[in-house]
């Protein structure tokens, strides 16, 4: 699904909250009419997955295999970005998925080597979709559809679990390991991974 055009029928959105082992049976992949629609449309929004990276590392050898010291200053890097299109006239909602499984569009790789992943992110953690009103929604869904194991952190304050919510453009969703970092000379706790978006239709 990472490179697939993925959608769900508008009538099946409600079924996302029903108990089920996987939501994959509700999704549609690479439908011809969806491909044609997107090729002739402009995106409604762009969604970003970011990862916090240590700004400074100090090593005790030239091989740089293990850092001797790491700073508490981090920078937030965009590691993946995807676009959302409106498919309402096709009776569809375009979807983007977050999680460790290979079919997800956004995967929590620990670094640029893309080998290890954050174990605090579920295999099928969450689903983003654009509804018929062009609202961007997020569902913390989890592998067995009872919500993800660790939940999704809204702005690193409140935990969203097993809910479908409308996503405000000023908010972000946090995932995975919590890091103690220094930002604007203050020590705070933030999620290593974040999902953010920007509207492109305004």
Protein backbone atom coordinates (compact mmCIF):
# COMPACT_ATOMS: atom_id res chain seq x y z
CA UNK A 1 0.00 0.00 0.00
CA UNK A 2 2.98 2.31 0.47
CA UNK A 3 2.98 3.23 -3.22
CA UNK A 4 -0.62 2.30 -3.96
CA UNK A 5 -3.52 4.66 -4.52
CA UNK A 6 -5.75 3.58 -1.65
CA UNK A 7 -9.38 4.44 -0.97
CA UNK A 8 -12.44 3.32 0.94
CA UNK A 9 -16.09 3.64 -0.09
CA UNK A 10 -17.93 6.36 1.81
CA UNK A 11 -20.45 3.83 3.13
CA UNK A 12 -17.64 1.62 4.51
CA UNK A 13 -16.10 4.36 6.66
CA UNK A 14 -18.48 3.52 9.52
CA UNK A 15 -17.30 -0.11 9.37
CA UNK A 16 -13.81 0.99 10.43
CA UNK A 17 -15.08 1.13 14.01
CA UNK A 18 -16.50 -2.39 13.95
CA UNK A 19 -14.40 -5.19 15.55
CA UNK A 20 -12.33 -6.86 12.82
CA UNK A 21 -8.89 -8.42 12.46
CA UNK A 22 -7.82 -6.07 9.67
CA UNK A 23 -9.23 -3.11 7.78
CA UNK A 24 -7.54 -4.17 4.53
CA UNK A 25 -10.69 -5.94 3.34
CA UNK A 26 -12.47 -2.56 3.36
CA UNK A 27 -9.89 -0.77 1.24
CA UNK A 28 -9.68 -0.48 -2.56
CA UNK A 29 -6.32 -0.41 -4.32
CA UNK A 30 -5.28 1.24 -7.61
CA UNK A 31 -8.75 1.37 -9.11
CA UNK A 32 -8.64 2.67 -12.67
CA UNK A 33 -11.29 5.32 -12.09
CA UNK A 34 -9.38 6.58 -9.05
CA UNK A 35 -6.15 6.75 -11.04
CA UNK A 36 -7.89 8.74 -13.79
CA UNK A 37 -9.53 11.07 -11.28
CA UNK A 38 -6.23 11.85 -9.55
CA UNK A 39 -4.35 12.35 -12.83
CA UNK A 40 -6.86 15.08 -13.73
CA UNK A 41 -7.14 16.70 -10.28
CA UNK A 42 -5.16 18.88 -7.92
CA UNK A 43 -4.50 17.67 -4.38
CA UNK A 44 -6.53 18.94 -1.44
CA UNK A 45 -3.76 18.47 1.12
CA UNK A 46 -0.22 17.26 1.63
CA UNK A 47 0.53 15.02 4.64
CA UNK A 48 4.02 14.81 6.18
CA UNK A 49 5.66 12.24 8.43
CA UNK A 50 8.51 13.82 10.38
CA UNK A 51 11.20 12.31 12.61
CA UNK A 52 13.15 14.00 15.38
CA UNK A 53 16.91 13.70 14.80
CA UNK A 54 19.73 14.56 17.19
CA UNK A 55 21.47 17.73 16.03
CA UNK A 56 24.93 16.84 17.34
CA UNK A 57 26.66 13.51 17.95
CA UNK A 58 30.21 12.98 19.20
CA UNK A 59 32.07 9.73 18.53
CA UNK A 60 35.14 8.19 20.13
CA UNK A 61 36.46 6.63 16.93
CA UNK A 62 36.70 7.33 13.20
CA UNK A 63 34.34 4.44 12.43
CA UNK A 64 31.51 6.32 14.18
CA UNK A 65 29.78 3.10 15.13
CA UNK A 66 28.59 4.25 18.55
CA UNK A 67 28.12 7.81 19.74
CA UNK A 68 30.03 8.80 22.86
CA UNK A 69 27.78 11.79 23.52
CA UNK A 70 24.54 13.15 22.03
CA UNK A 71 23.06 16.62 22.42
CA UNK A 72 19.54 17.21 23.69
CA UNK A 73 18.89 19.50 20.75
CA UNK A 74 16.88 17.93 17.95
CA UNK A 75 15.68 18.93 14.52
CA UNK A 76 12.45 17.77 12.92
CA UNK A 77 13.01 16.27 9.47
CA UNK A 78 10.39 15.41 6.86
CA UNK A 79 10.95 11.75 5.94
CA UNK A 80 7.82 11.03 3.84
CA UNK A 81 5.16 13.20 2.23
CA UNK A 82 1.97 12.15 0.43
CA UNK A 83 -0.91 14.00 -1.21
CA UNK A 84 -4.65 13.59 -0.58
CA UNK A 85 -7.22 14.01 -3.36
CA UNK A 86 -10.99 14.43 -3.15
CA UNK A 87 -12.81 11.35 -4.51
CA UNK A 88 -16.31 12.14 -3.26
CA UNK A 89 -17.90 12.11 -6.71
CA UNK A 90 -16.69 8.51 -7.06
CA UNK A 91 -18.24 7.54 -3.73
CA UNK A 92 -14.74 7.08 -2.29
CA UNK A 93 -12.49 8.61 0.35
CA UNK A 94 -8.74 8.56 -0.34
CA UNK A 95 -6.69 6.90 2.44
CA UNK A 96 -3.15 7.04 3.80
CA UNK A 97 -2.01 4.52 6.42
CA UNK A 98 0.50 4.71 9.30
CA UNK A 99 2.23 1.69 10.85
CA UNK A 100 5.09 -0.81 10.77
CA UNK A 101 3.64 -3.24 8.19
CA UNK A 102 5.03 -2.94 4.66
CA UNK A 103 1.68 -1.93 3.16
CA UNK A 104 1.59 1.38 5.06
CA UNK A 105 2.29 4.72 3.37
CA UNK A 106 4.02 6.09 6.50
CA UNK A 107 6.42 3.75 8.32
CA UNK A 108 8.39 4.62 11.49
CA UNK A 109 11.95 3.83 10.46
CA UNK A 110 14.34 4.71 13.27
CA UNK A 111 16.85 6.35 10.91
CA UNK A 112 17.72 6.89 7.25
CA UNK A 113 19.04 3.31 6.92
CA UNK A 114 15.40 2.10 6.91
CA UNK A 115 16.11 -1.13 8.79
CA UNK A 116 14.88 -0.81 12.38
CA UNK A 117 11.47 0.61 13.23
CA UNK A 118 10.05 2.16 16.36
CA UNK A 119 8.44 -0.71 18.35
CA UNK A 120 6.05 1.73 20.05
CA UNK A 121 4.20 2.19 16.74
CA UNK A 122 1.66 -0.54 15.97
CA UNK A 123 1.81 -2.67 12.83
CA UNK A 124 -1.41 -1.04 11.63
CA UNK A 125 -1.53 2.09 13.76
CA UNK A 126 -3.76 4.66 12.08
CA UNK A 127 -5.62 5.63 8.94
CA UNK A 128 -5.96 9.11 7.40
CA UNK A 129 -8.77 9.78 4.96
CA UNK A 130 -10.50 12.67 3.21
CA UNK A 131 -14.26 12.46 3.69
CA UNK A 132 -17.08 13.60 1.41
CA UNK A 133 -17.01 17.10 3.01
CA UNK A 134 -13.29 17.42 2.22
CA UNK A 135 -12.46 17.13 5.92
CA UNK A 136 -9.25 15.35 6.80
CA UNK A 137 -9.94 12.63 9.35
CA UNK A 138 -7.72 10.35 11.42
CA UNK A 139 -8.61 6.97 12.93
CA UNK A 140 -6.42 5.37 15.59
CA UNK A 141 -7.21 1.84 14.56
CA UNK A 142 -4.62 -0.69 15.80
CA UNK A 143 -3.71 -4.15 14.55
CA UNK A 144 -6.81 -5.87 15.92
CA UNK A 145 -9.04 -2.85 15.41
CA UNK A 146 -9.42 -1.98 19.09
CA UNK A 147 -7.13 1.02 18.89
CA UNK A 148 -3.35 0.98 18.69
CA UNK A 149 -1.40 -0.43 21.65
CA UNK A 150 0.08 2.91 22.71
CA UNK A 151 -2.51 5.21 21.18
CA UNK A 152 -1.88 8.33 19.12
CA UNK A 153 -0.84 11.51 20.92
CA UNK A 154 -2.69 14.64 19.80
CA UNK A 155 -0.14 17.47 20.05
CA UNK A 156 1.75 15.28 22.55
CA UNK A 157 -0.87 16.16 25.16
CA UNK A 158 -3.99 13.96 24.91
CA UNK A 159 -4.13 10.35 23.74
CA UNK A 160 -6.48 9.36 20.93
CA UNK A 161 -7.37 5.66 20.84
CA UNK A 162 -9.90 3.79 18.70
CA UNK A 163 -11.56 7.02 17.56
CA UNK A 164 -12.23 8.78 14.27
CA UNK A 165 -11.62 12.51 14.66
CA UNK A 166 -11.55 15.52 12.36
CA UNK A 167 -7.96 16.71 12.05
CA UNK A 168 -7.35 20.45 12.46
CA UNK A 169 -4.48 21.85 10.39
CA UNK A 170 -2.96 23.42 13.52
CA UNK A 171 -2.68 20.03 15.23
CA UNK A 172 -0.23 17.17 14.83
CA UNK A 173 -0.34 13.51 15.82
CA UNK A 174 2.60 12.02 17.72
CA UNK A 175 3.76 8.42 17.47
CA UNK A 176 6.36 6.13 18.96
CA UNK A 177 9.12 6.77 21.44
CA UNK A 178 8.91 9.87 23.64
CA UNK A 179 12.11 11.91 23.69
CA UNK A 180 13.34 14.46 26.21
CA UNK A 181 14.58 17.37 24.14
CA UNK A 182 15.53 21.02 24.44
CA UNK A 183 13.47 23.46 22.41
CA UNK A 184 13.69 27.24 22.77
CA UNK A 185 15.94 26.71 25.80
CA UNK A 186 13.27 24.62 27.55
CA UNK A 187 13.34 20.90 28.27
CA UNK A 188 10.21 19.19 26.97
CA UNK A 189 8.95 15.73 25.95
CA UNK A 190 7.90 15.08 22.35
CA UNK A 191 7.12 12.07 20.16
CA UNK A 192 9.89 10.96 17.83
CA UNK A 193 7.45 10.76 14.90
CA UNK A 194 4.75 13.24 13.96
CA UNK A 195 2.13 13.50 11.26
CA UNK A 196 1.29 17.02 10.06
CA UNK A 197 -0.53 18.36 7.02
CA UNK A 198 -1.10 21.50 5.02
CA UNK A 199 -4.18 22.40 2.97
CA UNK A 200 -3.50 23.11 -0.69
CA UNK A 201 -7.00 24.16 -1.73
CA UNK A 202 -7.18 27.47 0.12
